[in-house]
Amino acid sequence: MGAPRPAFNPNCREKRTGEVTVHNTTWREDAACKGLDTGMFFPVNDDAAGAAKAVCAGCPVRDACLDWALTTRQEDGVWGGLTDNERRRLRRRRRDAARREAAASAA
């Protein structure tokens, strides 16, 4: 059983074409980080992610960015205001909640 997918966000559409998955990333045009040094979004550890998270905090497309990072399983960097460790914890919480829900509905 695969991990549950993040909630649908109309700004982050996925289109399957044969074996290739194409993601709509037009939300990036409105991102607060557009044009900034990308290095700040790839901190050496979670403690050094403050500057990137501050940019994300006021971003109008933060949810779409996070949805994209979760859907495409981005392993590094700050996306949608969450570090890679925070995204892993979020995926785990969502997966565990889905399993509990499935077990409850099967009972």
PDB file of N, CA and C in Angstrom:
ATOM      1  N   MET A   1       0.844  -1.178   0.000  1.00  0.00           N
ATOM      2  CA  MET A   1       0.000   0.000   0.000  1.00  0.00           C
ATOM      3  C   MET A   1       0.886   1.236   0.000  1.00  0.00           C
ATOM      4  N   GLY A   2       0.680   2.157  -0.917  1.00  0.00           N
ATOM      5  CA  GLY A   2       1.478   3.371  -1.010  1.00  0.00           C
ATOM      6  C   GLY A   2       1.055   4.409   0.012  1.00  0.00           C
ATOM      7  N   ALA A   3       1.885   5.403   0.165  1.00  0.00           N
ATOM      8  CA  ALA A   3       1.587   6.494   1.085  1.00  0.00           C
ATOM      9  C   ALA A   3       0.418   7.307   0.534  1.00  0.00           C
ATOM     10  N   PRO A   4      -0.413   7.868   1.408  1.00  0.00           N
ATOM     11  CA  PRO A   4      -1.527   8.680   0.927  1.00  0.00           C
ATOM     12  C   PRO A   4      -1.013   9.930   0.229  1.00  0.00           C
ATOM     13  N   ARG A   5      -1.721  10.340  -0.780  1.00  0.00           N
ATOM     14  CA  ARG A   5      -1.346  11.541  -1.515  1.00  0.00           C
ATOM     15  C   ARG A   5      -1.805  12.760  -0.744  1.00  0.00           C
ATOM     16  N   PRO A   6      -1.125  13.874  -0.893  1.00  0.00           N
ATOM     17  CA  PRO A   6      -1.576  15.093  -0.236  1.00  0.00           C
ATOM     18  C   PRO A   6      -2.919  15.530  -0.800  1.00  0.00           C
ATOM     19  N   ALA A   7      -3.623  16.360  -0.050  1.00  0.00           N
ATOM     20  CA  ALA A   7      -4.912  16.865  -0.507  1.00  0.00           C
ATOM     21  C   ALA A   7      -4.736  17.592  -1.832  1.00  0.00           C
ATOM     22  N   PHE A   8      -5.746  17.523  -2.680  1.00  0.00           N
ATOM     23  CA  PHE A   8      -5.684  18.173  -3.986  1.00  0.00           C
ATOM     24  C   PHE A   8      -5.592  19.680  -3.815  1.00  0.00           C
ATOM     25  N   ASN A   9      -4.753  20.277  -4.564  1.00  0.00           N
ATOM     26  CA  ASN A   9      -4.626  21.722  -4.597  1.00  0.00           C
ATOM     27  C   ASN A   9      -4.719  22.130  -6.067  1.00  0.00           C
ATOM     28  N   PRO A  10      -5.650  23.003  -6.453  1.00  0.00           N
ATOM     29  CA  PRO A  10      -5.818  23.355  -7.863  1.00  0.00           C
ATOM     30  C   PRO A  10      -4.598  24.031  -8.471  1.00  0.00           C
ATOM     31  N   ASN A  11      -3.700  24.554  -7.654  1.00  0.00           N
ATOM     32  CA  ASN A  11      -2.497  25.197  -8.174  1.00  0.00           C
ATOM     33  C   ASN A  11      -1.386  24.202  -8.456  1.00  0.00           C
ATOM     34  N   CYS A  12      -1.585  22.960  -8.084  1.00  0.00           N
ATOM     35  CA  CYS A  12      -0.545  21.942  -8.266  1.00  0.00           C
ATOM     36  C   CYS A  12      -1.192  20.722  -8.903  1.00  0.00           C
ATOM     37  N   ARG A  13      -1.494  20.832 -10.184  1.00  0.00           N
ATOM     38  CA  ARG A  13      -2.152  19.733 -10.883  1.00  0.00           C
ATOM     39  C   ARG A  13      -1.136  18.746 -11.412  1.00  0.00           C
ATOM     40  N   GLU A  14      -1.545  17.503 -11.452  1.00  0.00           N
ATOM     41  CA  GLU A  14      -0.694  16.451 -11.984  1.00  0.00           C
ATOM     42  C   GLU A  14      -1.401  15.842 -13.186  1.00  0.00           C
ATOM     43  N   LYS A  15      -0.652  15.619 -14.227  1.00  0.00           N
ATOM     44  CA  LYS A  15      -1.227  15.038 -15.445  1.00  0.00           C
ATOM     45  C   LYS A  15      -0.368  13.846 -15.844  1.00  0.00           C
ATOM     46  N   ARG A  16      -0.978  12.700 -15.966  1.00  0.00           N
ATOM     47  CA  ARG A  16      -0.233  11.511 -16.365  1.00  0.00           C
ATOM     48  C   ARG A  16      -0.328  11.354 -17.880  1.00  0.00           C
ATOM     49  N   THR A  17       0.834  11.188 -18.496  1.00  0.00           N
ATOM     50  CA  THR A  17       0.896  10.981 -19.942  1.00  0.00           C
ATOM     51  C   THR A  17       1.784   9.774 -20.173  1.00  0.00           C
ATOM     52  N   GLY A  18       1.185   8.617 -20.358  1.00  0.00           N
ATOM     53  CA  GLY A  18       1.965   7.399 -20.532  1.00  0.00           C
ATOM     54  C   GLY A  18       2.732   7.079 -19.259  1.00  0.00           C
ATOM     55  N   GLU A  19       4.021   6.919 -19.371  1.00  0.00           N
ATOM     56  CA  GLU A  19       4.867   6.609 -18.227  1.00  0.00           C
ATOM     57  C   GLU A  19       5.412   7.855 -17.549  1.00  0.00           C
ATOM     58  N   VAL A  20       5.194   9.014 -18.148  1.00  0.00           N
ATOM     59  CA  VAL A  20       5.768  10.246 -17.625  1.00  0.00           C
ATOM     60  C   VAL A  20       4.701  11.029 -16.876  1.00  0.00           C
ATOM     61  N   THR A  21       5.045  11.536 -15.712  1.00  0.00           N
ATOM     62  CA  THR A  21       4.145  12.389 -14.961  1.00  0.00           C
ATOM     63  C   THR A  21       4.609  13.829 -15.115  1.00  0.00           C
ATOM     64  N   VAL A  22       3.713  14.684 -15.587  1.00  0.00           N
ATOM     65  CA  VAL A  22       4.028  16.092 -15.785  1.00  0.00           C
ATOM     66  C   VAL A  22       3.314  16.880 -14.694  1.00  0.00           C
ATOM     67  N   HIS A  23       4.055  17.702 -13.985  1.00  0.00           N
ATOM     68  CA  HIS A  23       3.475  18.503 -12.911  1.00  0.00           C
ATOM     69  C   HIS A  23       3.349  19.956 -13.350  1.00  0.00           C
ATOM     70  N   ASN A  24       2.204  20.538 -13.071  1.00  0.00           N
ATOM     71  CA  ASN A  24       1.988  21.943 -13.354  1.00  0.00           C
ATOM     72  C   ASN A  24       2.685  22.748 -12.260  1.00  0.00           C
ATOM     73  N   THR A  25       3.672  23.520 -12.636  1.00  0.00           N
ATOM     74  CA  THR A  25       4.404  24.311 -11.654  1.00  0.00           C
ATOM     75  C   THR A  25       4.248  25.806 -11.913  1.00  0.00           C
ATOM     76  N   THR A  26       3.138  26.199 -12.514  1.00  0.00           N
ATOM     77  CA  THR A  26       2.923  27.625 -12.782  1.00  0.00           C
ATOM     78  C   THR A  26       2.847  28.442 -11.500  1.00  0.00           C
ATOM     79  N   TRP A  27       2.567  27.794 -10.375  1.00  0.00           N
ATOM     80  CA  TRP A  27       2.531  28.486  -9.086  1.00  0.00           C
ATOM     81  C   TRP A  27       3.873  29.143  -8.791  1.00  0.00           C
ATOM     82  N   ARG A  28       4.946  28.635  -9.358  1.00  0.00           N
ATOM     83  CA  ARG A  28       6.283  29.188  -9.092  1.00  0.00           C
ATOM     84  C   ARG A  28       6.405  30.646  -9.534  1.00  0.00           C
ATOM     85  N   GLU A  29       5.601  31.040 -10.506  1.00  0.00           N
ATOM     86  CA  GLU A  29       5.644  32.430 -10.984  1.00  0.00           C
ATOM     87  C   GLU A  29       5.283  33.415  -9.882  1.00  0.00           C
ATOM     88  N   ASP A  30       4.447  32.988  -8.938  1.00  0.00           N
ATOM     89  CA  ASP A  30       3.991  33.863  -7.861  1.00  0.00           C
ATOM     90  C   ASP A  30       4.708  33.613  -6.540  1.00  0.00           C
ATOM     91  N   ALA A  31       5.713  32.755  -6.555  1.00  0.00           N
ATOM     92  CA  ALA A  31       6.415  32.389  -5.320  1.00  0.00           C
ATOM     93  C   ALA A  31       7.241  33.544  -4.767  1.00  0.00           C
ATOM     94  N   ALA A  32       7.218  33.697  -3.452  1.00  0.00           N
ATOM     95  CA  ALA A  32       7.992  34.747  -2.792  1.00  0.00           C
ATOM     96  C   ALA A  32       9.492  34.537  -2.983  1.00  0.00           C
ATOM     97  N   CYS A  33       9.904  33.314  -3.239  1.00  0.00           N
ATOM     98  CA  CYS A  33      11.328  33.002  -3.391  1.00  0.00           C
ATOM     99  C   CYS A  33      11.833  33.233  -4.811  1.00  0.00           C
ATOM    100  N   LYS A  34      10.942  33.541  -5.730  1.00  0.00           N
ATOM    101  CA  LYS A  34      11.350  33.721  -7.125  1.00  0.00           C
ATOM    102  C   LYS A  34      12.422  34.802  -7.212  1.00  0.00           C
ATOM    103  N   GLY A  35      13.551  34.430  -7.804  1.00  0.00           N
ATOM    104  CA  GLY A  35      14.632  35.376  -7.988  1.00  0.00           C
ATOM    105  C   GLY A  35      15.611  35.456  -6.833  1.00  0.00           C
ATOM    106  N   LEU A  36      15.304  34.796  -5.720  1.00  0.00           N
ATOM    107  CA  LEU A  36      16.223  34.811  -4.575  1.00  0.00           C
ATOM    108  C   LEU A  36      17.307  33.753  -4.752  1.00  0.00           C
ATOM    109  N   ASP A  37      18.369  33.895  -3.996  1.00  0.00           N
ATOM    110  CA  ASP A  37      19.449  32.912  -4.009  1.00  0.00           C
ATOM    111  C   ASP A  37      18.902  31.588  -3.493  1.00  0.00           C
ATOM    112  N   THR A  38      18.954  30.553  -4.321  1.00  0.00           N
ATOM    113  CA  THR A  38      18.386  29.259  -3.929  1.00  0.00           C
ATOM    114  C   THR A  38      19.165  28.597  -2.811  1.00  0.00           C
ATOM    115  N   GLY A  39      20.405  29.001  -2.598  1.00  0.00           N
ATOM    116  CA  GLY A  39      21.216  28.403  -1.542  1.00  0.00           C
ATOM    117  C   GLY A  39      20.571  28.502  -0.174  1.00  0.00           C
ATOM    118  N   MET A  40      19.836  29.580   0.088  1.00  0.00           N
ATOM    119  CA  MET A  40      19.201  29.736   1.402  1.00  0.00           C
ATOM    120  C   MET A  40      18.144  28.663   1.655  1.00  0.00           C
ATOM    121  N   PHE A  41      17.632  28.050   0.591  1.00  0.00           N
ATOM    122  CA  PHE A  41      16.584  27.042   0.736  1.00  0.00           C
ATOM    123  C   PHE A  41      17.139  25.624   0.880  1.00  0.00           C
ATOM    124  N   PHE A  42      18.447  25.522   0.945  1.00  0.00           N
ATOM    125  CA  PHE A  42      19.106  24.232   1.137  1.00  0.00           C
ATOM    126  C   PHE A  42      20.107  24.344   2.284  1.00  0.00           C
ATOM    127  N   PRO A  43      19.576  24.577   3.502  1.00  0.00           N
ATOM    128  CA  PRO A  43      20.450  24.762   4.661  1.00  0.00           C
ATOM    129  C   PRO A  43      21.136  23.459   5.055  1.00  0.00           C
ATOM    130  N   VAL A  44      22.230  23.589   5.801  1.00  0.00           N
ATOM    131  CA  VAL A  44      22.990  22.414   6.222  1.00  0.00           C
ATOM    132  C   VAL A  44      22.234  21.588   7.258  1.00  0.00           C
ATOM    133  N   ASN A  45      21.317  22.228   8.003  1.00  0.00           N
ATOM    134  CA  ASN A  45      20.486  21.510   8.973  1.00  0.00           C
ATOM    135  C   ASN A  45      19.218  22.316   9.243  1.00  0.00           C
ATOM    136  N   ASP A  46      18.305  21.717   9.978  1.00  0.00           N
ATOM    137  CA  ASP A  46      17.020  22.379  10.251  1.00  0.00           C
ATOM    138  C   ASP A  46      17.184  23.688  11.018  1.00  0.00           C
ATOM    139  N   ASP A  47      18.196  23.765  11.877  1.00  0.00           N
ATOM    140  CA  ASP A  47      18.413  24.982  12.665  1.00  0.00           C
ATOM    141  C   ASP A  47      18.800  26.175  11.792  1.00  0.00           C
ATOM    142  N   ALA A  48      19.367  25.906  10.629  1.00  0.00           N
ATOM    143  CA  ALA A  48      19.812  26.971   9.726  1.00  0.00           C
ATOM    144  C   ALA A  48      18.742  27.340   8.698  1.00  0.00           C
ATOM    145  N   ALA A  49      17.522  26.837   8.861  1.00  0.00           N
ATOM    146  CA  ALA A  49      16.465  27.050   7.875  1.00  0.00           C
ATOM    147  C   ALA A  49      15.617  28.290   8.145  1.00  0.00           C
ATOM    148  N   GLY A  50      15.942  29.053   9.149  1.00  0.00           N
ATOM    149  CA  GLY A  50      15.115  30.198   9.543  1.00  0.00           C
ATOM    150  C   GLY A  50      14.879  31.220   8.450  1.00  0.00           C
ATOM    151  N   ALA A  51      15.918  31.589   7.713  1.00  0.00           N
ATOM    152  CA  ALA A  51      15.759  32.599   6.659  1.00  0.00           C
ATOM    153  C   ALA A  51      14.817  32.108   5.566  1.00  0.00           C
ATOM    154  N   ALA A  52      14.972  30.863   5.167  1.00  0.00           N
ATOM    155  CA  ALA A  52      14.097  30.303   4.130  1.00  0.00           C
ATOM    156  C   ALA A  52      12.657  30.218   4.632  1.00  0.00           C
ATOM    157  N   LYS A  53      12.483  29.778   5.861  1.00  0.00           N
ATOM    158  CA  LYS A  53      11.130  29.663   6.417  1.00  0.00           C
ATOM    159  C   LYS A  53      10.468  31.030   6.529  1.00  0.00           C
ATOM    160  N   ALA A  54      11.263  32.076   6.802  1.00  0.00           N
ATOM    161  CA  ALA A  54      10.707  33.429   6.885  1.00  0.00           C
ATOM    162  C   ALA A  54      10.175  33.870   5.521  1.00  0.00           C
ATOM    163  N   VAL A  55      10.879  33.532   4.447  1.00  0.00           N
ATOM    164  CA  VAL A  55      10.398  33.853   3.101  1.00  0.00           C
ATOM    165  C   VAL A  55       9.102  33.094   2.834  1.00  0.00           C
ATOM    166  N   CYS A  56       9.092  31.813   3.183  1.00  0.00           N
ATOM    167  CA  CYS A  56       7.907  30.975   2.943  1.00  0.00           C
ATOM    168  C   CYS A  56       6.689  31.441   3.746  1.00  0.00           C
ATOM    169  N   ALA A  57       6.923  31.989   4.916  1.00  0.00           N
ATOM    170  CA  ALA A  57       5.813  32.375   5.798  1.00  0.00           C
ATOM    171  C   ALA A  57       4.856  33.350   5.126  1.00  0.00           C
ATOM    172  N   GLY A  58       5.364  34.233   4.296  1.00  0.00           N
ATOM    173  CA  GLY A  58       4.504  35.206   3.633  1.00  0.00           C
ATOM    174  C   GLY A  58       4.223  34.888   2.181  1.00  0.00           C
ATOM    175  N   CYS A  59       4.530  33.690   1.759  1.00  0.00           N
ATOM    176  CA  CYS A  59       4.387  33.325   0.348  1.00  0.00           C
ATOM    177  C   CYS A  59       2.937  32.985  -0.007  1.00  0.00           C
ATOM    178  N   PRO A  60       2.412  33.568  -1.090  1.00  0.00           N
ATOM    179  CA  PRO A  60       1.027  33.301  -1.476  1.00  0.00           C
ATOM    180  C   PRO A  60       0.795  31.903  -2.058  1.00  0.00           C
ATOM    181  N   VAL A  61       1.861  31.208  -2.432  1.00  0.00           N
ATOM    182  CA  VAL A  61       1.706  29.871  -3.024  1.00  0.00           C
ATOM    183  C   VAL A  61       2.350  28.795  -2.145  1.00  0.00           C
ATOM    184  N   ARG A  62       2.458  29.072  -0.878  1.00  0.00           N
ATOM    185  CA  ARG A  62       3.105  28.143   0.052  1.00  0.00           C
ATOM    186  C   ARG A  62       2.459  26.759   0.020  1.00  0.00           C
ATOM    187  N   ASP A  63       1.145  26.692   0.033  1.00  0.00           N
ATOM    188  CA  ASP A  63       0.450  25.396   0.031  1.00  0.00           C
ATOM    189  C   ASP A  63       0.726  24.613  -1.250  1.00  0.00           C
ATOM    190  N   ALA A  64       0.700  25.295  -2.393  1.00  0.00           N
ATOM    191  CA  ALA A  64       0.976  24.624  -3.664  1.00  0.00           C
ATOM    192  C   ALA A  64       2.411  24.115  -3.692  1.00  0.00           C
ATOM    193  N   CYS A  65       3.326  24.884  -3.160  1.00  0.00           N
ATOM    194  CA  CYS A  65       4.732  24.497  -3.105  1.00  0.00           C
ATOM    195  C   CYS A  65       4.905  23.252  -2.237  1.00  0.00           C
ATOM    196  N   LEU A  66       4.271  23.251  -1.080  1.00  0.00           N
ATOM    197  CA  LEU A  66       4.353  22.094  -0.191  1.00  0.00           C
ATOM    198  C   LEU A  66       3.711  20.873  -0.835  1.00  0.00           C
ATOM    199  N   ASP A  67       2.558  21.048  -1.445  1.00  0.00           N
ATOM    200  CA  ASP A  67       1.904  19.930  -2.143  1.00  0.00           C
ATOM    201  C   ASP A  67       2.821  19.346  -3.211  1.00  0.00           C
ATOM    202  N   TRP A  68       3.470  20.227  -3.985  1.00  0.00           N
ATOM    203  CA  TRP A  68       4.378  19.764  -5.030  1.00  0.00           C
ATOM    204  C   TRP A  68       5.550  18.990  -4.428  1.00  0.00           C
ATOM    205  N   ALA A  69       6.128  19.509  -3.356  1.00  0.00           N
ATOM    206  CA  ALA A  69       7.272  18.841  -2.722  1.00  0.00           C
ATOM    207  C   ALA A  69       6.878  17.472  -2.178  1.00  0.00           C
ATOM    208  N   LEU A  70       5.679  17.375  -1.607  1.00  0.00           N
ATOM    209  CA  LEU A  70       5.216  16.090  -1.076  1.00  0.00           C
ATOM    210  C   LEU A  70       4.905  15.118  -2.208  1.00  0.00           C
ATOM    211  N   THR A  71       4.240  15.611  -3.239  1.00  0.00           N
ATOM    212  CA  THR A  71       3.865  14.761  -4.370  1.00  0.00           C
ATOM    213  C   THR A  71       5.082  14.232  -5.109  1.00  0.00           C
ATOM    214  N   THR A  72       6.089  15.079  -5.276  1.00  0.00           N
ATOM    215  CA  THR A  72       7.282  14.680  -6.019  1.00  0.00           C
ATOM    216  C   THR A  72       8.377  14.147  -5.110  1.00  0.00           C
ATOM    217  N   ARG A  73       8.069  14.047  -3.818  1.00  0.00           N
ATOM    218  CA  ARG A  73       8.988  13.474  -2.821  1.00  0.00           C
ATOM    219  C   ARG A  73      10.357  14.145  -2.835  1.00  0.00           C
ATOM    220  N   GLN A  74      10.330  15.477  -2.767  1.00  0.00           N
ATOM    221  CA  GLN A  74      11.577  16.233  -2.679  1.00  0.00           C
ATOM    222  C   GLN A  74      12.282  15.863  -1.380  1.00  0.00           C
ATOM    223  N   GLU A  75      13.519  15.447  -1.480  1.00  0.00           N
ATOM    224  CA  GLU A  75      14.243  14.962  -0.309  1.00  0.00           C
ATOM    225  C   GLU A  75      15.105  16.021   0.344  1.00  0.00           C
ATOM    226  N   ASP A  76      15.382  17.103  -0.342  1.00  0.00           N
ATOM    227  CA  ASP A  76      16.270  18.131   0.201  1.00  0.00           C
ATOM    228  C   ASP A  76      15.618  19.495   0.137  1.00  0.00           C
ATOM    229  N   GLY A  77      16.032  20.368   1.031  1.00  0.00           N
ATOM    230  CA  GLY A  77      15.638  21.759   0.970  1.00  0.00           C
ATOM    231  C   GLY A  77      14.352  22.094   1.697  1.00  0.00           C
ATOM    232  N   VAL A  78      14.084  23.386   1.730  1.00  0.00           N
ATOM    233  CA  VAL A  78      12.861  23.923   2.330  1.00  0.00           C
ATOM    234  C   VAL A  78      11.874  24.165   1.201  1.00  0.00           C
ATOM    235  N   TRP A  79      10.723  23.536   1.301  1.00  0.00           N
ATOM    236  CA  TRP A  79       9.647  23.677   0.316  1.00  0.00           C
ATOM    237  C   TRP A  79       8.358  23.905   1.085  1.00  0.00           C
ATOM    238  N   GLY A  80       7.610  24.913   0.715  1.00  0.00           N
ATOM    239  CA  GLY A  80       6.351  25.181   1.402  1.00  0.00           C
ATOM    240  C   GLY A  80       6.522  25.465   2.882  1.00  0.00           C
ATOM    241  N   GLY A  81       7.677  25.945   3.253  1.00  0.00           N
ATOM    242  CA  GLY A  81       7.924  26.299   4.653  1.00  0.00           C
ATOM    243  C   GLY A  81       8.378  25.158   5.535  1.00  0.00           C
ATOM    244  N   LEU A  82       8.550  23.969   4.970  1.00  0.00           N
ATOM    245  CA  LEU A  82       8.982  22.815   5.763  1.00  0.00           C
ATOM    246  C   LEU A  82      10.323  22.286   5.272  1.00  0.00           C
ATOM    247  N   THR A  83      11.154  21.886   6.218  1.00  0.00           N
ATOM    248  CA  THR A  83      12.431  21.263   5.862  1.00  0.00           C
ATOM    249  C   THR A  83      12.180  19.823   5.448  1.00  0.00           C
ATOM    250  N   ASP A  84      13.214  19.181   4.932  1.00  0.00           N
ATOM    251  CA  ASP A  84      13.074  17.785   4.520  1.00  0.00           C
ATOM    252  C   ASP A  84      12.673  16.899   5.696  1.00  0.00           C
ATOM    253  N   ASN A  85      13.219  17.138   6.870  1.00  0.00           N
ATOM    254  CA  ASN A  85      12.840  16.341   8.044  1.00  0.00           C
ATOM    255  C   ASN A  85      11.383  16.581   8.428  1.00  0.00           C
ATOM    256  N   GLU A  86      10.943  17.824   8.361  1.00  0.00           N
ATOM    257  CA  GLU A  86       9.550  18.138   8.688  1.00  0.00           C
ATOM    258  C   GLU A  86       8.590  17.525   7.679  1.00  0.00           C
ATOM    259  N   ARG A  87       8.972  17.508   6.405  1.00  0.00           N
ATOM    260  CA  ARG A  87       8.114  16.870   5.395  1.00  0.00           C
ATOM    261  C   ARG A  87       8.036  15.366   5.612  1.00  0.00           C
ATOM    262  N   ARG A  88       9.133  14.744   5.975  1.00  0.00           N
ATOM    263  CA  ARG A  88       9.099  13.302   6.273  1.00  0.00           C
ATOM    264  C   ARG A  88       8.158  13.014   7.434  1.00  0.00           C
ATOM    265  N   ARG A  89       8.236  13.837   8.479  1.00  0.00           N
ATOM    266  CA  ARG A  89       7.331  13.642   9.618  1.00  0.00           C
ATOM    267  C   ARG A  89       5.875  13.847   9.208  1.00  0.00           C
ATOM    268  N   LEU A  90       5.616  14.848   8.367  1.00  0.00           N
ATOM    269  CA  LEU A  90       4.249  15.099   7.886  1.00  0.00           C
ATOM    270  C   LEU A  90       3.745  13.921   7.067  1.00  0.00           C
ATOM    271  N   ARG A  91       4.575  13.401   6.155  1.00  0.00           N
ATOM    272  CA  ARG A  91       4.164  12.227   5.362  1.00  0.00           C
ATOM    273  C   ARG A  91       3.874  11.044   6.278  1.00  0.00           C
ATOM    274  N   ARG A  92       4.703  10.845   7.281  1.00  0.00           N
ATOM    275  CA  ARG A  92       4.505   9.733   8.215  1.00  0.00           C
ATOM    276  C   ARG A  92       3.191   9.908   8.987  1.00  0.00           C
ATOM    277  N   ARG A  93       2.928  11.127   9.460  1.00  0.00           N
ATOM    278  CA  ARG A  93       1.665  11.378  10.189  1.00  0.00           C
ATOM    279  C   ARG A  93       0.466  11.131   9.284  1.00  0.00           C
ATOM    280  N   ARG A  94       0.532  11.595   8.037  1.00  0.00           N
ATOM    281  CA  ARG A  94      -0.581  11.386   7.097  1.00  0.00           C
ATOM    282  C   ARG A  94      -0.761   9.902   6.799  1.00  0.00           C
ATOM    283  N   ARG A  95       0.350   9.195   6.597  1.00  0.00           N
ATOM    284  CA  ARG A  95       0.285   7.758   6.318  1.00  0.00           C
ATOM    285  C   ARG A  95      -0.329   7.021   7.507  1.00  0.00           C
ATOM    286  N   ASP A  96       0.135   7.327   8.719  1.00  0.00           N
ATOM    287  CA  ASP A  96      -0.392   6.665   9.909  1.00  0.00           C
ATOM    288  C   ASP A  96      -1.873   6.967  10.112  1.00  0.00           C
ATOM    289  N   ALA A  97      -2.264   8.201   9.864  1.00  0.00           N
ATOM    290  CA  ALA A  97      -3.681   8.573  10.002  1.00  0.00           C
ATOM    291  C   ALA A  97      -4.528   7.822   8.982  1.00  0.00           C
ATOM    292  N   ALA A  98      -4.030   7.691   7.757  1.00  0.00           N
ATOM    293  CA  ALA A  98      -4.769   6.957   6.724  1.00  0.00           C
ATOM    294  C   ALA A  98      -4.899   5.486   7.089  1.00  0.00           C
ATOM    295  N   ARG A  99      -3.851   4.922   7.662  1.00  0.00           N
ATOM    296  CA  ARG A  99      -3.909   3.519   8.088  1.00  0.00           C
ATOM    297  C   ARG A  99      -4.907   3.330   9.222  1.00  0.00           C
ATOM    298  N   ARG A 100      -4.909   4.259  10.175  1.00  0.00           N
ATOM    299  CA  ARG A 100      -5.874   4.168  11.279  1.00  0.00           C
ATOM    300  C   ARG A 100      -7.297   4.288  10.746  1.00  0.00           C
ATOM    301  N   GLU A 101      -7.487   5.205   9.817  1.00  0.00           N
ATOM    302  CA  GLU A 101      -8.825   5.404   9.228  1.00  0.00           C
ATOM    303  C   GLU A 101      -9.260   4.156   8.472  1.00  0.00           C
ATOM    304  N   ALA A 102      -8.339   3.550   7.708  1.00  0.00           N
ATOM    305  CA  ALA A 102      -8.670   2.347   6.952  1.00  0.00           C
ATOM    306  C   ALA A 102      -8.988   1.190   7.897  1.00  0.00           C
ATOM    307  N   ALA A 103      -8.233   1.082   8.972  1.00  0.00           N
ATOM    308  CA  ALA A 103      -8.476   0.005   9.947  1.00  0.00           C
ATOM    309  C   ALA A 103      -9.828   0.204  10.633  1.00  0.00           C
ATOM    310  N   ALA A 104     -10.147   1.443  10.945  1.00  0.00           N
ATOM    311  CA  ALA A 104     -11.420   1.746  11.613  1.00  0.00           C
ATOM    312  C   ALA A 104     -12.601   1.458  10.697  1.00  0.00           C
ATOM    313  N   SER A 105     -12.470   1.772   9.425  1.00  0.00           N
ATOM    314  CA  SER A 105     -13.586   1.548   8.501  1.00  0.00           C
ATOM    315  C   SER A 105     -13.710   0.068   8.131  1.00  0.00           C
ATOM    316  N   ALA A 106     -12.639  -0.688   8.273  1.00  0.00           N
ATOM    317  CA  ALA A 106     -12.686  -2.130   7.990  1.00  0.00           C
ATOM    318  C   ALA A 106     -13.282  -2.917   9.160  1.00  0.00           C
ATOM    319  N   ALA A 107     -13.252  -2.307  10.331  1.00  0.00           N
ATOM    320  CA  ALA A 107     -13.738  -3.009  11.539  1.00  0.00           C
ATOM    321  C   ALA A 107     -15.231  -2.992  11.646  1.00  0.00           C
TER     322      ALA A 107
END
